[in-house]
C-alpha atoms as a PDB file:
ATOM      1  CA  UNK A   1      91.161  78.202 116.220  1.00  0.00           C
ATOM      2  CA  UNK A   2      88.629  80.603 116.621  1.00  0.00           C
ATOM      3  CA  UNK A   3      85.112  79.060 117.703  1.00  0.00           C
ATOM      4  CA  UNK A   4      82.092  80.710 116.130  1.00  0.00           C
ATOM      5  CA  UNK A   5      78.427  80.277 115.452  1.00  0.00           C
ATOM      6  CA  UNK A   6      76.500  80.228 111.879  1.00  0.00           C
ATOM      7  CA  UNK A   7      73.356  81.653 112.471  1.00  0.00           C
ATOM      8  CA  UNK A   8      70.580  83.110 110.319  1.00  0.00           C
ATOM      9  CA  UNK A   9      67.458  85.190 110.145  1.00  0.00           C
ATOM     10  CA  UNK A  10      65.258  84.126 107.699  1.00  0.00           C
ATOM     11  CA  UNK A  11      68.025  82.891 105.186  1.00  0.00           C
ATOM     12  CA  UNK A  12      70.020  86.240 105.830  1.00  0.00           C
ATOM     13  CA  UNK A  13      73.038  84.500 107.397  1.00  0.00           C
ATOM     14  CA  UNK A  14      75.896  85.188 109.503  1.00  0.00           C
ATOM     15  CA  UNK A  15      78.912  83.784 111.467  1.00  0.00           C
ATOM     16  CA  UNK A  16      78.774  85.011 115.014  1.00  0.00           C
ATOM     17  CA  UNK A  17      82.134  85.557 117.130  1.00  0.00           C
ATOM     18  CA  UNK A  18      81.923  86.171 120.752  1.00  0.00           C
ATOM     19  CA  UNK A  19      84.534  88.710 122.226  1.00  0.00           C
ATOM     20  CA  UNK A  20      83.142  89.625 125.115  1.00  0.00           C
ATOM     21  CA  UNK A  21      85.819  87.865 127.209  1.00  0.00           C
ATOM     22  CA  UNK A  22      88.902  87.581 124.931  1.00  0.00           C
ATOM     23  CA  UNK A  23      89.018  90.605 122.283  1.00  0.00           C
ATOM     24  CA  UNK A  24      89.210  89.956 118.264  1.00  0.00           C
ATOM     25  CA  UNK A  25      89.908  92.508 116.373  1.00  0.00           C
ATOM     26  CA  UNK A  26      88.570  91.084 113.388  1.00  0.00           C
ATOM     27  CA  UNK A  27      89.770  93.647 110.483  1.00  0.00           C
ATOM     28  CA  UNK A  28      88.023  94.007 106.672  1.00  0.00           C
ATOM     29  CA  UNK A  29      90.834  91.304 105.101  1.00  0.00           C
ATOM     30  CA  UNK A  30      89.481  88.719 107.926  1.00  0.00           C
ATOM     31  CA  UNK A  31      85.994  89.571 107.426  1.00  0.00           C
ATOM     32  CA  UNK A  32      86.215  88.935 103.803  1.00  0.00           C
ATOM     33  CA  UNK A  33      88.103  85.842 104.368  1.00  0.00           C
ATOM     34  CA  UNK A  34      85.195  84.527 106.660  1.00  0.00           C
ATOM     35  CA  UNK A  35      82.601  85.506 104.190  1.00  0.00           C
ATOM     36  CA  UNK A  36      83.771  83.633 101.309  1.00  0.00           C
ATOM     37  CA  UNK A  37      81.573  80.993 100.296  1.00  0.00           C
ATOM     38  CA  UNK A  38      84.114  78.982  98.383  1.00  0.00           C
ATOM     39  CA  UNK A  39      87.120  79.314 100.928  1.00  0.00           C
ATOM     40  CA  UNK A  40      85.656  80.482 104.366  1.00  0.00           C
ATOM     41  CA  UNK A  41      82.760  80.087 106.429  1.00  0.00           C
ATOM     42  CA  UNK A  42      80.588  82.034 104.005  1.00  0.00           C
ATOM     43  CA  UNK A  43      77.738  84.600 105.267  1.00  0.00           C
ATOM     44  CA  UNK A  44      76.022  87.566 104.353  1.00  0.00           C
ATOM     45  CA  UNK A  45      77.397  89.428 107.498  1.00  0.00           C
ATOM     46  CA  UNK A  46      80.114  88.764 110.491  1.00  0.00           C
ATOM     47  CA  UNK A  47      78.954  89.556 113.690  1.00  0.00           C
ATOM     48  CA  UNK A  48      81.197  90.188 116.673  1.00  0.00           C
ATOM     49  CA  UNK A  49      79.594  90.483 120.348  1.00  0.00           C
ATOM     50  CA  UNK A  50      81.532  92.421 122.039  1.00  0.00           C
ATOM     51  CA  UNK A  51      81.145  93.982 126.148  1.00  0.00           C
ATOM     52  CA  UNK A  52      78.934  96.646 126.589  1.00  0.00           C
ATOM     53  CA  UNK A  53      80.372 100.138 126.215  1.00  0.00           C
ATOM     54  CA  UNK A  54      80.085 102.460 129.237  1.00  0.00           C
ATOM     55  CA  UNK A  55      77.541 104.985 128.630  1.00  0.00           C
ATOM     56  CA  UNK A  56      74.618 106.683 129.847  1.00  0.00           C
ATOM     57  CA  UNK A  57      72.493 104.154 128.107  1.00  0.00           C
ATOM     58  CA  UNK A  58      73.045 100.768 129.530  1.00  0.00           C
ATOM     59  CA  UNK A  59      73.350  97.863 127.266  1.00  0.00           C
ATOM     60  CA  UNK A  60      74.002  94.144 127.429  1.00  0.00           C
ATOM     61  CA  UNK A  61      76.257  94.023 124.760  1.00  0.00           C
ATOM     62  CA  UNK A  62      77.937  95.637 121.819  1.00  0.00           C
ATOM     63  CA  UNK A  63      77.006  94.264 118.111  1.00  0.00           C
ATOM     64  CA  UNK A  64      79.748  95.038 115.528  1.00  0.00           C
ATOM     65  CA  UNK A  65      78.938  93.973 111.759  1.00  0.00           C
ATOM     66  CA  UNK A  66      80.995  93.873 108.806  1.00  0.00           C
ATOM     67  CA  UNK A  67      79.759  92.876 105.430  1.00  0.00           C
ATOM     68  CA  UNK A  68      80.897  90.459 103.569  1.00  0.00           C
ATOM     69  CA  UNK A  69      83.170  92.764 101.361  1.00  0.00           C
ATOM     70  CA  UNK A  70      84.664  93.597 104.753  1.00  0.00           C
ATOM     71  CA  UNK A  71      83.335  97.183 105.286  1.00  0.00           C
ATOM     72  CA  UNK A  72      81.651  97.633 108.693  1.00  0.00           C
ATOM     73  CA  UNK A  73      78.229  98.588 109.198  1.00  0.00           C
ATOM     74  CA  UNK A  74      76.182 100.545 111.325  1.00  0.00           C
ATOM     75  CA  UNK A  75      73.045  97.985 111.913  1.00  0.00           C
ATOM     76  CA  UNK A  76      71.561  94.756 111.048  1.00  0.00           C
ATOM     77  CA  UNK A  77      67.912  93.736 112.295  1.00  0.00           C
ATOM     78  CA  UNK A  78      68.282  90.155 111.388  1.00  0.00           C
ATOM     79  CA  UNK A  79      71.506  89.967 113.403  1.00  0.00           C
ATOM     80  CA  UNK A  80      70.040  91.547 116.355  1.00  0.00           C
ATOM     81  CA  UNK A  81      67.170  88.905 116.253  1.00  0.00           C
ATOM     82  CA  UNK A  82      70.086  86.404 116.270  1.00  0.00           C
ATOM     83  CA  UNK A  83      72.165  87.794 118.975  1.00  0.00           C
ATOM     84  CA  UNK A  84      69.586  88.310 121.374  1.00  0.00           C
ATOM     85  CA  UNK A  85      68.495  84.876 121.453  1.00  0.00           C
ATOM     86  CA  UNK A  86      71.669  83.814 122.077  1.00  0.00           C
ATOM     87  CA  UNK A  87      71.722  86.510 125.380  1.00  0.00           C
ATOM     88  CA  UNK A  88      68.206  85.306 126.157  1.00  0.00           C
ATOM     89  CA  UNK A  89      69.534  81.356 126.255  1.00  0.00           C
ATOM     90  CA  UNK A  90      72.693  82.695 128.448  1.00  0.00           C
ATOM     91  CA  UNK A  91      70.964  85.072 131.121  1.00  0.00           C
ATOM     92  CA  UNK A  92      67.440  84.194 131.195  1.00  0.00           C
ATOM     93  CA  UNK A  93      65.890  87.391 130.622  1.00  0.00           C
ATOM     94  CA  UNK A  94      63.434  88.047 127.988  1.00  0.00           C
ATOM     95  CA  UNK A  95      64.659  91.465 126.984  1.00  0.00           C
ATOM     96  CA  UNK A  96      68.008  92.809 126.312  1.00  0.00           C
ATOM     97  CA  UNK A  97      69.842  95.902 124.571  1.00  0.00           C
ATOM     98  CA  UNK A  98      72.264  96.042 122.089  1.00  0.00           C
ATOM     99  CA  UNK A  99      74.343  98.971 121.107  1.00  0.00           C
ATOM    100  CA  UNK A 100      75.537  99.242 117.624  1.00  0.00           C
ATOM    101  CA  UNK A 101      77.075 102.280 115.880  1.00  0.00           C
ATOM    102  CA  UNK A 102      73.670 103.465 114.917  1.00  0.00           C
ATOM    103  CA  UNK A 103      72.264 103.326 118.829  1.00  0.00           C
ATOM    104  CA  UNK A 104      70.550 100.842 120.815  1.00  0.00           C
ATOM    105  CA  UNK A 105      68.313  98.031 119.859  1.00  0.00           C
ATOM    106  CA  UNK A 106      65.779  96.669 122.612  1.00  0.00           C
ATOM    107  CA  UNK A 107      65.117  92.862 121.590  1.00  0.00           C
ATOM    108  CA  UNK A 108      62.069  91.122 123.612  1.00  0.00           C
ATOM    109  CA  UNK A 109      61.212  87.591 123.105  1.00  0.00           C
ATOM    110  CA  UNK A 110      57.853  87.681 122.033  1.00  0.00           C
ATOM    111  CA  UNK A 111      57.557  83.599 122.025  1.00  0.00           C
ATOM    112  CA  UNK A 112      56.538  80.893 119.624  1.00  0.00           C
ATOM    113  CA  UNK A 113      60.266  81.553 118.601  1.00  0.00           C
ATOM    114  CA  UNK A 114      59.705  84.952 117.697  1.00  0.00           C
ATOM    115  CA  UNK A 115      61.812  87.826 118.666  1.00  0.00           C
ATOM    116  CA  UNK A 116      60.886  91.600 118.172  1.00  0.00           C
ATOM    117  CA  UNK A 117      63.333  94.426 118.060  1.00  0.00           C
ATOM    118  CA  UNK A 118      62.503  98.065 118.165  1.00  0.00           C
ATOM    119  CA  UNK A 119      64.565  99.258 115.491  1.00  0.00           C
ATOM    120  CA  UNK A 120      64.295 102.948 116.559  1.00  0.00           C
ATOM    121  CA  UNK A 121      62.739 105.796 114.784  1.00  0.00           C
ATOM    122  CA  UNK A 122      63.717 106.155 111.097  1.00  0.00           C
ATOM    123  CA  UNK A 123      65.887 108.862 109.669  1.00  0.00           C
ATOM    124  CA  UNK A 124      63.805 110.856 106.348  1.00  0.00           C
ATOM    125  CA  UNK A 125      66.017 113.793 106.197  1.00  0.00           C
ATOM    126  CA  UNK A 126      67.952 113.723 103.078  1.00  0.00           C
ATOM    127  CA  UNK A 127      71.287 114.766 104.716  1.00  0.00           C
ATOM    128  CA  UNK A 128      70.699 112.453 107.525  1.00  0.00           C
ATOM    129  CA  UNK A 129      70.306 109.318 105.207  1.00  0.00           C
ATOM    130  CA  UNK A 130      72.339 110.608 103.828  1.00  0.00           C
ATOM    131  CA  UNK A 131      72.034 111.739 100.144  1.00  0.00           C
ATOM    132  CA  UNK A 132      74.104 113.611  98.055  1.00  0.00           C
ATOM    133  CA  UNK A 133      71.846 116.619  97.444  1.00  0.00           C
ATOM    134  CA  UNK A 134      68.235 117.872  98.880  1.00  0.00           C
ATOM    135  CA  UNK A 135      65.253 116.007  97.450  1.00  0.00           C
ATOM    136  CA  UNK A 136      61.950 114.996  98.681  1.00  0.00           C
ATOM    137  CA  UNK A 137      62.851 111.423  99.963  1.00  0.00           C
ATOM    138  CA  UNK A 138      59.082 110.252  99.684  1.00  0.00           C
ATOM    139  CA  UNK A 139      59.870 110.554  95.921  1.00  0.00           C
ATOM    140  CA  UNK A 140      62.626 111.287  93.792  1.00  0.00           C
ATOM    141  CA  UNK A 141      63.980 110.423  90.588  1.00  0.00           C
ATOM    142  CA  UNK A 142      67.338 108.759  89.599  1.00  0.00           C
ATOM    143  CA  UNK A 143      68.852 108.328  86.283  1.00  0.00           C
ATOM    144  CA  UNK A 144      70.734 105.255  85.669  1.00  0.00           C
ATOM    145  CA  UNK A 145      72.148 103.858  82.096  1.00  0.00           C
ATOM    146  CA  UNK A 146      69.640 106.111  80.347  1.00  0.00           C
ATOM    147  CA  UNK A 147      66.558 105.301  82.180  1.00  0.00           C
ATOM    148  CA  UNK A 148      64.725 106.873  84.997  1.00  0.00           C
ATOM    149  CA  UNK A 149      63.849 105.381  88.149  1.00  0.00           C
ATOM    150  CA  UNK A 150      61.210 106.870  91.183  1.00  0.00           C
ATOM    151  CA  UNK A 151      62.827 105.980  94.618  1.00  0.00           C
ATOM    152  CA  UNK A 152      62.290 106.835  98.067  1.00  0.00           C
ATOM    153  CA  UNK A 153      64.958 106.825 100.675  1.00  0.00           C
ATOM    154  CA  UNK A 154      64.868 105.842 104.284  1.00  0.00           C
ATOM    155  CA  UNK A 155      67.253 105.267 107.141  1.00  0.00           C
ATOM    156  CA  UNK A 156      66.920 102.853 109.866  1.00  0.00           C
ATOM    157  CA  UNK A 157      70.564 103.866 110.811  1.00  0.00           C
ATOM    158  CA  UNK A 158      72.153 102.510 107.279  1.00  0.00           C
ATOM    159  CA  UNK A 159      70.673 103.986 103.902  1.00  0.00           C
ATOM    160  CA  UNK A 160      68.129 102.451 101.901  1.00  0.00           C
ATOM    161  CA  UNK A 161      66.702 102.997  98.785  1.00  0.00           C
ATOM    162  CA  UNK A 162      63.105 101.657  97.738  1.00  0.00           C
ATOM    163  CA  UNK A 163      61.701 101.513  94.367  1.00  0.00           C
ATOM    164  CA  UNK A 164      57.681 100.096  94.216  1.00  0.00           C
ATOM    165  CA  UNK A 165      57.582  98.157  91.426  1.00  0.00           C
ATOM    166  CA  UNK A 166      54.300  95.769  89.975  1.00  0.00           C
ATOM    167  CA  UNK A 167      55.971  92.661  90.296  1.00  0.00           C
ATOM    168  CA  UNK A 168      59.304  92.311  92.795  1.00  0.00           C
ATOM    169  CA  UNK A 169      59.721  88.604  91.021  1.00  0.00           C
ATOM    170  CA  UNK A 170      60.572  90.070  87.921  1.00  0.00           C
ATOM    171  CA  UNK A 171      62.423  93.162  89.299  1.00  0.00           C
ATOM    172  CA  UNK A 172      65.951  93.915  87.809  1.00  0.00           C
ATOM    173  CA  UNK A 173      67.844  92.996  91.492  1.00  0.00           C
ATOM    174  CA  UNK A 174      70.955  91.711  90.080  1.00  0.00           C
ATOM    175  CA  UNK A 175      71.494  94.226  87.723  1.00  0.00           C
ATOM    176  CA  UNK A 176      69.988  97.352  89.025  1.00  0.00           C
ATOM    177  CA  UNK A 177      70.426  96.629  92.952  1.00  0.00           C
ATOM    178  CA  UNK A 178      74.449  97.244  92.210  1.00  0.00           C
ATOM    179  CA  UNK A 179      73.978 100.256  89.752  1.00  0.00           C
ATOM    180  CA  UNK A 180      71.649 101.931  92.626  1.00  0.00           C
ATOM    181  CA  UNK A 181      74.060 101.049  95.337  1.00  0.00           C
ATOM    182  CA  UNK A 182      76.964 102.979  94.055  1.00  0.00           C
ATOM    183  CA  UNK A 183      74.888 105.699  92.781  1.00  0.00           C
ATOM    184  CA  UNK A 184      76.433 109.175  93.123  1.00  0.00           C
ATOM    185  CA  UNK A 185      73.424 110.303  95.203  1.00  0.00           C
ATOM    186  CA  UNK A 186      74.504 108.022  98.291  1.00  0.00           C
ATOM    187  CA  UNK A 187      77.740 108.754  99.611  1.00  0.00           C
ATOM    188  CA  UNK A 188      77.975 106.071 101.862  1.00  0.00           C
ATOM    189  CA  UNK A 189      76.364 103.672  99.304  1.00  0.00           C
ATOM    190  CA  UNK A 190      72.827 102.250 100.071  1.00  0.00           C
ATOM    191  CA  UNK A 191      70.940  98.929 100.306  1.00  0.00           C
ATOM    192  CA  UNK A 192      67.785  98.764  97.468  1.00  0.00           C
ATOM    193  CA  UNK A 193      65.033  97.129  98.134  1.00  0.00           C
ATOM    194  CA  UNK A 194      62.485  96.458  95.473  1.00  0.00           C
ATOM    195  CA  UNK A 195      58.767  96.094  96.801  1.00  0.00           C
ATOM    196  CA  UNK A 196      55.295  95.013  95.806  1.00  0.00           C
ATOM    197  CA  UNK A 197      52.341  96.250  97.829  1.00  0.00           C
ATOM    198  CA  UNK A 198      49.753  93.655  97.707  1.00  0.00           C
ATOM    199  CA  UNK A 199      47.443  95.342 100.057  1.00  0.00           C
ATOM    200  CA  UNK A 200      47.230  97.869 103.224  1.00  0.00           C
ATOM    201  CA  UNK A 201      49.057  94.902 105.029  1.00  0.00           C
ATOM    202  CA  UNK A 202      51.090  92.850 103.160  1.00  0.00           C
ATOM    203  CA  UNK A 203      53.967  93.594 100.937  1.00  0.00           C
ATOM    204  CA  UNK A 204      56.486  91.160  98.617  1.00  0.00           C
ATOM    205  CA  UNK A 205      60.113  92.542  99.047  1.00  0.00           C
ATOM    206  CA  UNK A 206      63.337  91.376  97.496  1.00  0.00           C
ATOM    207  CA  UNK A 207      66.792  93.211  98.301  1.00  0.00           C
ATOM    208  CA  UNK A 208      70.079  94.076  97.107  1.00  0.00           C
ATOM    209  CA  UNK A 209      72.181  94.322 100.426  1.00  0.00           C
ATOM    210  CA  UNK A 210      75.240  97.132 100.323  1.00  0.00           C
ATOM    211  CA  UNK A 211      78.221  95.130 100.345  1.00  0.00           C
ATOM    212  CA  UNK A 212      76.484  91.741 100.291  1.00  0.00           C
ATOM    213  CA  UNK A 213      74.603  91.577  97.135  1.00  0.00           C
ATOM    214  CA  UNK A 214      71.234  89.517  96.960  1.00  0.00           C
ATOM    215  CA  UNK A 215      70.309  88.281 100.464  1.00  0.00           C
ATOM    216  CA  UNK A 216      67.228  86.485 101.500  1.00  0.00           C
ATOM    217  CA  UNK A 217      66.421  88.586 103.891  1.00  0.00           C
ATOM    218  CA  UNK A 218      67.143  92.328 105.269  1.00  0.00           C
ATOM    219  CA  UNK A 219      65.614  93.595 108.395  1.00  0.00           C
ATOM    220  CA  UNK A 220      66.372  97.169 108.374  1.00  0.00           C
ATOM    221  CA  UNK A 221      65.363  96.963 104.645  1.00  0.00           C
ATOM    222  CA  UNK A 222      61.954  95.601 105.517  1.00  0.00           C
ATOM    223  CA  UNK A 223      61.500  97.997 108.402  1.00  0.00           C
ATOM    224  CA  UNK A 224      62.646 100.790 105.776  1.00  0.00           C
ATOM    225  CA  UNK A 225      60.315  99.471 103.018  1.00  0.00           C
ATOM    226  CA  UNK A 226      57.353  99.572 105.665  1.00  0.00           C
ATOM    227  CA  UNK A 227      58.151 103.074 106.673  1.00  0.00           C
ATOM    228  CA  UNK A 228      58.156 104.418 102.986  1.00  0.00           C
ATOM    229  CA  UNK A 229      55.100 102.614 101.666  1.00  0.00           C
ATOM    230  CA  UNK A 230      53.017 103.930 104.866  1.00  0.00           C
ATOM    231  CA  UNK A 231      54.434 107.584 103.894  1.00  0.00           C
ATOM    232  CA  UNK A 232      52.745 107.392 100.688  1.00  0.00           C
ATOM    233  CA  UNK A 233      49.399 105.954 102.206  1.00  0.00           C
ATOM    234  CA  UNK A 234      49.928 102.721 100.374  1.00  0.00           C
ATOM    235  CA  UNK A 235      49.504 100.573 104.043  1.00  0.00           C
ATOM    236  CA  UNK A 236      48.628 100.690 107.456  1.00  0.00           C
ATOM    237  CA  UNK A 237      50.739 100.799 110.242  1.00  0.00           C
ATOM    238  CA  UNK A 238      50.882  96.818 110.612  1.00  0.00           C
ATOM    239  CA  UNK A 239      52.443  95.011 107.626  1.00  0.00           C
ATOM    240  CA  UNK A 240      53.471  91.720 106.911  1.00  0.00           C
ATOM    241  CA  UNK A 241      56.286  91.476 104.505  1.00  0.00           C
ATOM    242  CA  UNK A 242      57.434  88.310 102.226  1.00  0.00           C
ATOM    243  CA  UNK A 243      60.805  88.073 101.897  1.00  0.00           C
ATOM    244  CA  UNK A 244      63.111  85.401  99.732  1.00  0.00           C
ATOM    245  CA  UNK A 245      63.459  83.753 103.352  1.00  0.00           C
ATOM    246  CA  UNK A 246      60.248  84.196 104.878  1.00  0.00           C
ATOM    247  CA  UNK A 247      58.019  86.567 106.901  1.00  0.00           C
ATOM    248  CA  UNK A 248      58.597  89.486 108.798  1.00  0.00           C
ATOM    249  CA  UNK A 249      55.917  91.297 111.029  1.00  0.00           C
ATOM    250  CA  UNK A 250      56.378  95.486 110.946  1.00  0.00           C
ATOM    251  CA  UNK A 251      54.749  97.645 113.205  1.00  0.00           C
ATOM    252  CA  UNK A 252      55.111 101.485 113.302  1.00  0.00           C
ATOM    253  CA  UNK A 253      54.080 102.738 116.699  1.00  0.00           C
ATOM    254  CA  UNK A 254      54.925 106.101 118.419  1.00  0.00           C
ATOM    255  CA  UNK A 255      57.491 106.803 116.022  1.00  0.00           C
ATOM    256  CA  UNK A 256      59.419 103.514 116.509  1.00  0.00           C
ATOM    257  CA  UNK A 257      59.615 100.783 114.069  1.00  0.00           C
ATOM    258  CA  UNK A 258      59.472  96.933 115.434  1.00  0.00           C
ATOM    259  CA  UNK A 259      60.165  94.123 113.821  1.00  0.00           C
ATOM    260  CA  UNK A 260      59.316  90.792 114.314  1.00  0.00           C
ATOM    261  CA  UNK A 261      60.808  87.455 113.039  1.00  0.00           C
ATOM    262  CA  UNK A 262      62.496  84.322 114.031  1.00  0.00           C
ATOM    263  CA  UNK A 263      66.167  82.585 114.365  1.00  0.00           C
ATOM    264  CA  UNK A 264      68.126  79.632 113.582  1.00  0.00           C
ATOM    265  CA  UNK A 265      71.386  78.056 114.639  1.00  0.00           C
ATOM    266  CA  UNK A 266      72.507  76.348 111.775  1.00  0.00           C
ATOM    267  CA  UNK A 267      75.828  74.856 113.482  1.00  0.00           C
ATOM    268  CA  UNK A 268      78.802  75.686 115.411  1.00  0.00           C
ATOM    269  CA  UNK A 269      82.384  75.571 114.356  1.00  0.00           C
ATOM    270  CA  UNK A 270      86.130  76.722 114.311  1.00  0.00           C
ATOM    271  CA  UNK A 271      88.369  78.658 112.123  1.00  0.00           C
ATOM    272  CA  UNK A 272      91.844  79.817 112.091  1.00  0.00           C
ATOM    273  CA  UNK A 273      92.064  83.720 111.455  1.00  0.00           C
END
């Protein structure tokens, strides 16, 4: 039996495995079994904490991420806060660095149960997101089933397609989300955010996550949405974003995106892999 922790950040939930002392080769099929909400643990992503790689930039651990569909992905902001909380409690540090496939994430204990993650610099060039062809990533049109949608695209180490809508509550997340996720414009598929800007410091966002479907929160998607809104002059540099699972605070600072939010440990368990 293999121990794990069930954790979440604003309802975006994870099965977290610690493989720093004993290697854990978690393949796609095993990740799908764990992620299954009827036959497994049930979660949006499966997280494996591994020893920090030997590199020029030191880190406290490597965070490996698989979506519930088994695909390995580059980064996850909500999971970074959860792993950081574990390392804070374990080491007594108030700042840790997590290495991911997308690069390092610097996580700081902000007090009152909150953790701030420096999500790094957003990528705005079409070929870095990546997109299938050159467009103005601040505003471009995509056709889906005969309808045209105005989009923005941002990478926070993983791809995001952002749609600004009049009412995020009424947005067709369940129908349009999967169609855009697999649209030919996105060769690596994409996360899809539906955003309503309430004023210069507040937004409402709902999300269809690549490989997971509707989730209650998406840290990298929240960051990408604020970047896209700020590029259009819709918000300032500090924005509070209301998600299905709660609030995230995003600050744009010196070209980086800082995300602040809570974490929670739901329970500890064991599973046969």
